[in-house]
Amino acid sequence: MLYNQKNKKINLINYDHFTMQNFMYEINEKKFRADQIMYWIYQRLCNNFDNMINLPLSLRNKLKNISVIQFPIATKEIISSDHTIKWIFSADNGVFETVYIPENNRGTLCISSQVGCILRCKFCATGMQGFKRNLLVSEMIGQIWVIYNKMKYDKNIFRYPITNIVFMGMGEPLLNFNNVFKTLNIIFSKHGFHIPKKKVILSTAGIVPAINKLSNIFDVKLALSLHAPNDILRNQLMPINKKYNIKLLLSSVEKFLKRSRLNRKGVTIEYIMLKNINDTIQHAKELIKILKNLPSKINLIPWNYLPDVNFSCSSFYQMNLFSNFLMKHGFFVTIRKPRGQDIQAACGQLTGLVY
């Protein structure tokens, strides 16, 4: 059962449309009431049952007695000189972060899926702080809802409307599979935020069983955090590679692409640029070799500074050299422009702290 009289009030934000319909059935209401409730929550950004005026008063009172509409609380807001915005959300057992990135007439919201991260990638501050827990559906959806709601009342701090959602914040989304799956359902559903699927990207370090599972049940635009062209180096930078090596990982992604319509132009390969670590022409040659049969586009990411970490970012010259070499061999390559570095909001800097 979804609801039991002995339970504490349930948070409706943890329910996707299917689960909300089942909940209506269990409390002896018509299933179409789920459509109405979700319309108010996600299209009208309403979290007060009393304002849901097309619901019978009896249902509104029932919902108030047994349920809540509750989102995480943004305890801090920091605005960068480049207009990137970071919010720190309070949560049980830690904090998590959300980042708004304005660029090229679009606004991208980067959301977190975990408090901390278990993968411990050597170049990422989130991994260094360790893992505390998975985020609930309400905490992931809540990041979007809270920022959407803020845009209604504080438009001046946002350069552009939110057009894109990326699961590239704190945590590994595919290690929180069930909750991320429900969150995506709400994001895409016409009863939820109804955001086009092509505007949402899920980034993963490569959890092979989860990629295989995803390919059987759900289509989503995928970004793969590769960051190294061989197992020896990737083992050093990303310990997860010792469990799922590059060959196994790329084979899994290849199978996923064969079933995916959203990724028919190829998966995005994310590649951090570390000076004298993975940025030489020899590394580019190795990358070409392993990706030659995989439809892909490569996104080179300048490494963002972290205190007490013995890495340096590749020079702009070296990044261009690396990029041009890949493009000469037929790859589509972009170099990500760092955003929010001054507020520790850039890729790999999210910890819930402000230095």
Protein backbone atom coordinates (compact mmCIF):
# COMPACT_ATOMS: atom_id res chain seq x y z
CA MET A 1 0.00 0.00 0.00
CA LEU A 2 1.07 3.58 -0.68
CA TYR A 3 -0.78 4.94 2.30
CA ASN A 4 -1.44 3.60 5.76
CA GLN A 5 -3.38 5.45 8.44
CA LYS A 6 -0.57 4.79 10.93
CA ASN A 7 2.05 6.41 8.72
CA LYS A 8 3.14 10.01 9.03
CA LYS A 9 1.99 12.38 6.32
CA ILE A 10 3.33 11.48 2.91
CA ASN A 11 5.07 13.92 0.61
CA LEU A 12 3.24 13.96 -2.72
CA ILE A 13 6.36 15.21 -4.48
CA ASN A 14 7.81 11.71 -4.25
CA TYR A 15 5.01 10.45 -6.53
CA ASP A 16 5.14 10.34 -10.31
CA HIS A 17 1.86 10.25 -12.24
CA PHE A 18 1.39 6.49 -12.07
CA THR A 19 2.03 6.41 -8.32
CA MET A 20 -0.21 9.43 -7.76
CA GLN A 21 -3.05 7.65 -9.56
CA ASN A 22 -2.59 4.62 -7.34
CA PHE A 23 -2.62 6.86 -4.30
CA MET A 24 -5.93 8.38 -5.40
CA TYR A 25 -7.37 4.88 -5.77
CA GLU A 26 -6.23 3.91 -2.28
CA ILE A 27 -7.92 6.91 -0.69
CA ASN A 28 -11.15 6.21 -2.63
CA GLU A 29 -10.82 9.06 -5.11
CA LYS A 30 -11.08 9.05 -8.89
CA LYS A 31 -7.79 8.61 -10.72
CA PHE A 32 -8.27 11.82 -12.72
CA ARG A 33 -7.77 13.74 -9.48
CA ALA A 34 -4.09 12.83 -9.83
CA ASP A 35 -3.99 14.86 -13.06
CA GLN A 36 -5.51 17.87 -11.32
CA ILE A 37 -3.21 17.73 -8.31
CA MET A 38 -0.09 17.40 -10.45
CA TYR A 39 -1.25 20.25 -12.67
CA TRP A 40 -1.44 22.53 -9.66
CA ILE A 41 1.93 21.43 -8.30
CA TYR A 42 3.99 21.50 -11.50
CA GLN A 43 2.24 23.84 -13.91
CA ARG A 44 0.92 26.38 -11.41
CA LEU A 45 3.74 25.88 -8.88
CA CYS A 46 1.17 25.60 -6.11
CA ASN A 47 2.02 23.90 -2.82
CA ASN A 48 -1.14 24.84 -0.93
CA PHE A 49 -4.11 22.46 -1.13
CA ASP A 50 -6.53 25.28 -0.30
CA ASN A 51 -5.63 27.01 -3.57
CA MET A 52 -6.46 23.97 -5.70
CA ILE A 53 -9.92 25.30 -6.36
CA ASN A 54 -11.10 22.65 -8.82
CA LEU A 55 -10.68 19.95 -6.18
CA PRO A 56 -13.69 19.25 -3.95
CA LEU A 57 -13.36 20.71 -0.48
CA SER A 58 -13.66 17.20 0.95
CA LEU A 59 -10.61 16.05 -1.04
CA ARG A 60 -8.60 19.12 -0.10
CA ASN A 61 -9.29 18.48 3.56
CA LYS A 62 -8.46 14.80 3.18
CA LEU A 63 -5.15 15.65 1.49
CA LYS A 64 -4.25 18.11 4.25
CA ASN A 65 -4.82 15.41 6.84
CA ILE A 66 -2.72 12.70 5.23
CA SER A 67 -0.19 14.40 2.96
CA VAL A 68 2.07 17.38 2.37
CA ILE A 69 3.68 19.13 -0.58
CA GLN A 70 7.16 19.67 0.75
CA PHE A 71 10.35 20.76 -0.98
CA PRO A 72 13.95 21.10 0.19
CA ILE A 73 14.97 24.49 1.54
CA ALA A 74 17.57 26.61 -0.23
CA THR A 75 19.58 27.99 2.68
CA LYS A 76 22.11 29.96 0.65
CA GLU A 77 22.23 31.66 -2.74
CA ILE A 78 25.49 32.79 -4.31
CA ILE A 79 25.73 34.73 -7.59
CA SER A 80 28.87 34.64 -9.73
CA SER A 81 30.39 37.54 -11.63
CA ASP A 82 29.41 35.66 -14.83
CA HIS A 83 25.76 35.42 -13.65
CA THR A 84 25.95 31.74 -12.74
CA ILE A 85 23.92 31.11 -9.57
CA LYS A 86 24.47 28.42 -6.95
CA TRP A 87 22.01 27.36 -4.28
CA ILE A 88 22.89 25.26 -1.26
CA PHE A 89 19.99 23.12 -0.06
CA SER A 90 19.77 21.78 3.46
CA ALA A 91 18.94 18.10 3.88
CA ASP A 92 19.01 15.34 6.45
CA ASN A 93 22.60 14.21 6.82
CA GLY A 94 24.26 16.92 4.75
CA VAL A 95 23.68 19.46 2.00
CA PHE A 96 23.47 19.41 -1.79
CA GLU A 97 23.76 22.01 -4.49
CA THR A 98 22.01 23.24 -7.61
CA VAL A 99 23.54 25.52 -10.24
CA TYR A 100 21.92 27.78 -12.83
CA ILE A 101 24.15 28.41 -15.86
CA PRO A 102 23.20 31.15 -18.35
CA GLU A 103 24.80 30.89 -21.78
CA ASN A 104 23.93 31.48 -25.45
CA ASN A 105 20.35 32.61 -24.80
CA ARG A 106 19.52 29.56 -22.71
CA GLY A 107 19.49 28.70 -19.04
CA THR A 108 20.70 25.31 -17.84
CA LEU A 109 19.83 23.98 -14.40
CA CYS A 110 22.38 21.49 -13.08
CA ILE A 111 20.84 19.31 -10.37
CA SER A 112 22.27 16.90 -7.82
CA SER A 113 21.21 13.28 -7.29
CA GLN A 114 23.08 12.41 -4.09
CA VAL A 115 24.49 13.99 -0.94
CA GLY A 116 28.17 13.53 -1.73
CA CYS A 117 29.40 10.79 -4.05
CA ILE A 118 30.78 7.31 -3.54
CA LEU A 119 32.93 7.19 -6.69
CA ARG A 120 35.85 9.30 -5.42
CA CYS A 121 37.11 10.55 -8.77
CA LYS A 122 40.48 12.15 -8.07
CA PHE A 123 39.75 15.43 -9.85
CA CYS A 124 36.33 16.07 -8.27
CA ALA A 125 35.62 17.78 -4.95
CA THR A 126 32.26 16.03 -4.53
CA GLY A 127 33.88 12.60 -4.56
CA MET A 128 36.52 13.68 -2.08
CA GLN A 129 33.92 14.52 0.54
CA GLY A 130 32.52 10.98 0.50
CA PHE A 131 28.99 9.65 0.18
CA LYS A 132 26.15 10.23 2.64
CA ARG A 133 22.92 9.18 0.95
CA ASN A 134 20.75 9.19 -2.15
CA LEU A 135 18.42 12.11 -2.69
CA LEU A 136 14.69 11.47 -2.61
CA VAL A 137 12.51 12.19 -5.63
CA SER A 138 11.14 15.20 -3.74
CA GLU A 139 14.67 16.53 -3.27
CA MET A 140 15.60 16.22 -6.94
CA ILE A 141 12.28 17.47 -8.30
CA GLY A 142 12.34 20.03 -5.50
CA GLN A 143 15.50 21.61 -6.87
CA ILE A 144 13.68 22.35 -10.11
CA TRP A 145 10.42 23.44 -8.44
CA VAL A 146 12.13 25.78 -5.99
CA ILE A 147 14.16 27.50 -8.72
CA TYR A 148 11.16 27.73 -11.07
CA ASN A 149 9.20 29.31 -8.25
CA LYS A 150 12.03 31.71 -7.54
CA MET A 151 12.00 32.81 -11.17
CA LYS A 152 8.39 33.91 -10.73
CA TYR A 153 9.27 36.37 -7.99
CA ASP A 154 12.92 37.26 -8.57
CA LYS A 155 13.32 37.37 -12.34
CA ASN A 156 16.07 39.97 -12.30
CA ILE A 157 18.81 37.55 -11.22
CA PHE A 158 18.12 35.15 -14.10
CA ARG A 159 19.54 36.16 -17.47
CA TYR A 160 17.51 33.60 -19.43
CA PRO A 161 14.60 31.23 -18.77
CA ILE A 162 15.48 27.66 -17.81
CA THR A 163 15.54 25.67 -21.03
CA ASN A 164 17.70 22.66 -20.11
CA ILE A 165 18.09 20.29 -17.15
CA VAL A 166 21.28 18.31 -16.58
CA PHE A 167 21.96 15.64 -13.97
CA MET A 168 25.55 16.77 -13.54
CA GLY A 169 25.57 18.04 -9.97
CA MET A 170 26.61 16.15 -6.86
CA GLY A 171 26.47 12.36 -7.04
CA GLU A 172 26.21 9.55 -9.59
CA PRO A 173 22.62 9.47 -10.92
CA LEU A 174 22.69 5.80 -11.91
CA LEU A 175 23.54 4.78 -8.35
CA ASN A 176 20.22 6.34 -7.36
CA PHE A 177 18.44 4.62 -10.21
CA ASN A 178 14.86 4.22 -8.96
CA ASN A 179 14.54 7.76 -7.63
CA VAL A 180 16.18 9.28 -10.71
CA PHE A 181 13.85 7.23 -12.93
CA LYS A 182 10.78 8.61 -11.12
CA THR A 183 12.25 12.11 -11.24
CA LEU A 184 12.71 11.88 -15.00
CA ASN A 185 9.13 10.65 -15.35
CA ILE A 186 7.89 13.80 -13.59
CA ILE A 187 10.21 16.05 -15.60
CA PHE A 188 8.99 14.64 -18.92
CA SER A 189 5.34 13.95 -18.11
CA LYS A 190 2.60 16.24 -19.39
CA HIS A 191 1.28 16.01 -15.83
CA GLY A 192 4.66 17.18 -14.47
CA PHE A 193 7.02 19.86 -15.75
CA HIS A 194 6.55 18.60 -19.34
CA ILE A 195 10.10 19.44 -20.37
CA PRO A 196 11.09 18.03 -23.80
CA LYS A 197 13.30 14.95 -23.52
CA LYS A 198 15.91 16.46 -25.83
CA LYS A 199 16.46 19.21 -23.24
CA VAL A 200 17.50 16.86 -20.42
CA ILE A 201 20.88 15.12 -20.07
CA LEU A 202 21.91 12.47 -17.58
CA SER A 203 25.65 12.23 -16.94
CA THR A 204 27.21 9.03 -15.63
CA ALA A 205 30.70 7.83 -14.75
CA GLY A 206 29.70 4.47 -16.19
CA ILE A 207 27.62 2.16 -14.00
CA VAL A 208 27.35 -0.65 -16.53
CA PRO A 209 24.45 -2.67 -15.00
CA ALA A 210 22.40 0.52 -14.67
CA ILE A 211 23.12 1.54 -18.27
CA ASN A 212 22.00 -1.92 -19.40
CA LYS A 213 18.85 -1.62 -17.29
CA LEU A 214 18.17 1.88 -18.57
CA SER A 215 18.41 0.74 -22.19
CA ASN A 216 15.59 -1.75 -21.58
CA ILE A 217 13.11 0.61 -19.93
CA PHE A 218 13.83 4.27 -20.63
CA ASP A 219 15.35 6.63 -23.20
CA VAL A 220 17.28 9.68 -22.05
CA LYS A 221 20.09 11.76 -23.49
CA LEU A 222 23.30 10.36 -22.06
CA ALA A 223 26.67 11.92 -21.25
CA LEU A 224 29.54 9.63 -20.34
CA SER A 225 32.26 10.89 -18.01
CA LEU A 226 35.21 9.11 -19.62
CA HIS A 227 38.18 11.40 -18.83
CA ALA A 228 40.88 8.93 -19.86
CA PRO A 229 41.61 6.89 -23.02
CA ASN A 230 43.05 3.79 -21.37
CA ASP A 231 42.36 1.61 -18.34
CA ILE A 232 45.65 2.29 -16.56
CA LEU A 233 45.03 6.03 -16.43
CA ARG A 234 41.28 5.76 -15.86
CA ASN A 235 41.89 3.37 -12.94
CA GLN A 236 44.02 6.09 -11.36
CA LEU A 237 41.60 8.95 -11.99
CA MET A 238 38.32 7.09 -11.58
CA PRO A 239 38.33 4.03 -9.28
CA ILE A 240 34.99 2.87 -10.73
CA ASN A 241 36.97 1.79 -13.80
CA LYS A 242 38.47 -1.08 -11.80
CA LYS A 243 34.96 -2.52 -11.64
CA TYR A 244 33.72 -1.54 -15.11
CA ASN A 245 36.64 -1.10 -17.49
CA ILE A 246 36.56 0.96 -20.67
CA LYS A 247 35.84 -1.96 -23.01
CA LEU A 248 32.92 -3.15 -20.88
CA LEU A 249 31.63 0.39 -20.48
CA LEU A 250 31.75 1.36 -24.14
CA SER A 251 30.14 -1.94 -25.12
CA SER A 252 27.27 -1.15 -22.76
CA VAL A 253 26.91 2.37 -24.15
CA GLU A 254 26.96 1.03 -27.72
CA LYS A 255 24.06 -1.29 -26.90
CA PHE A 256 22.21 1.60 -25.27
CA LEU A 257 22.65 3.76 -28.38
CA LYS A 258 21.16 1.08 -30.61
CA ARG A 259 17.89 1.33 -28.68
CA SER A 260 17.94 5.09 -28.19
CA ARG A 261 16.20 7.64 -30.38
CA LEU A 262 17.34 10.61 -28.32
CA ASN A 263 21.01 9.71 -28.78
CA ARG A 264 20.93 8.88 -32.48
CA LYS A 265 23.54 11.59 -33.11
CA GLY A 266 25.78 9.98 -30.54
CA VAL A 267 26.54 9.99 -26.84
CA THR A 268 28.34 12.97 -25.32
CA ILE A 269 31.82 12.01 -24.12
CA GLU A 270 32.98 14.22 -21.25
CA TYR A 271 36.75 14.55 -20.98
CA ILE A 272 38.43 16.59 -18.25
CA MET A 273 41.62 18.33 -19.40
CA LEU A 274 44.48 17.77 -16.93
CA LYS A 275 47.89 19.21 -17.72
CA ASN A 276 50.45 16.52 -18.60
CA ILE A 277 48.06 13.82 -17.34
CA ASN A 278 45.61 13.08 -20.16
CA ASP A 279 46.02 15.96 -22.62
CA THR A 280 48.80 14.91 -25.02
CA ILE A 281 48.44 14.04 -28.68
CA GLN A 282 49.21 10.44 -27.74
CA HIS A 283 46.17 10.49 -25.45
CA ALA A 284 44.13 11.94 -28.32
CA LYS A 285 45.27 9.08 -30.56
CA GLU A 286 44.21 6.55 -27.92
CA LEU A 287 40.85 8.30 -27.57
CA ILE A 288 40.29 8.10 -31.32
CA LYS A 289 41.07 4.40 -31.26
CA ILE A 290 38.57 3.51 -28.52
CA LEU A 291 35.80 5.77 -29.86
CA LYS A 292 36.15 5.09 -33.59
CA ASN A 293 33.12 2.76 -33.68
CA LEU A 294 30.99 4.66 -31.16
CA PRO A 295 28.75 7.50 -32.41
CA SER A 296 29.79 10.34 -30.15
CA LYS A 297 30.56 13.99 -29.67
CA ILE A 298 33.37 15.00 -27.36
CA ASN A 299 33.10 17.74 -24.76
CA LEU A 300 36.50 18.81 -23.42
CA ILE A 301 36.20 20.23 -19.90
CA PRO A 302 38.89 22.53 -18.47
CA TRP A 303 39.72 21.27 -14.98
CA ASN A 304 38.50 23.71 -12.33
CA TYR A 305 40.76 24.55 -9.42
CA LEU A 306 40.38 22.70 -6.13
CA PRO A 307 42.41 23.51 -3.02
CA ASP A 308 44.99 20.94 -1.94
CA VAL A 309 44.69 18.92 -5.16
CA ASN A 310 47.83 18.24 -7.19
CA PHE A 311 46.38 18.84 -10.65
CA SER A 312 46.59 21.72 -13.10
CA CYS A 313 44.33 22.59 -15.99
CA SER A 314 45.68 22.11 -19.49
CA SER A 315 46.69 25.32 -21.23
CA PHE A 316 44.29 26.88 -23.70
CA TYR A 317 46.86 26.17 -26.42
CA GLN A 318 47.04 22.48 -25.50
CA MET A 319 43.25 22.15 -25.35
CA ASN A 320 42.96 23.61 -28.84
CA LEU A 321 45.74 21.34 -30.10
CA PHE A 322 43.95 18.31 -28.62
CA SER A 323 40.59 19.45 -29.99
CA ASN A 324 41.89 20.16 -33.48
CA PHE A 325 43.59 16.77 -33.67
CA LEU A 326 40.33 15.03 -32.81
CA MET A 327 38.37 17.12 -35.31
CA LYS A 328 40.86 16.31 -38.08
CA HIS A 329 39.97 12.68 -37.46
CA GLY A 330 36.26 13.30 -37.91
CA PHE A 331 35.06 13.93 -34.36
CA PHE A 332 32.72 16.72 -33.32
CA VAL A 333 34.44 18.46 -30.42
CA THR A 334 33.55 21.34 -28.11
CA ILE A 335 35.50 22.96 -25.30
CA ARG A 336 33.30 23.79 -22.33
CA LYS A 337 33.48 27.35 -21.10
CA PRO A 338 34.02 27.36 -17.32
CA ARG A 339 31.17 29.02 -15.45
CA GLY A 340 30.84 29.95 -11.80
CA GLN A 341 34.46 29.30 -10.82
CA ASP A 342 34.53 32.24 -8.41
CA ILE A 343 31.69 30.74 -6.34
CA GLN A 344 32.85 27.11 -6.59
CA ALA A 345 29.94 26.27 -8.87
CA ALA A 346 31.90 24.93 -11.83
CA CYS A 347 32.25 21.29 -12.86
CA GLY A 348 33.89 19.25 -10.12
CA GLN A 349 33.72 21.97 -7.47
CA LEU A 350 30.41 21.17 -5.75
CA THR A 351 30.75 20.31 -2.07
CA GLY A 352 28.11 22.36 -0.29
CA LEU A 353 30.83 24.69 0.95
CA VAL A 354 31.88 28.20 0.00
CA TYR A 355 35.63 28.78 0.20
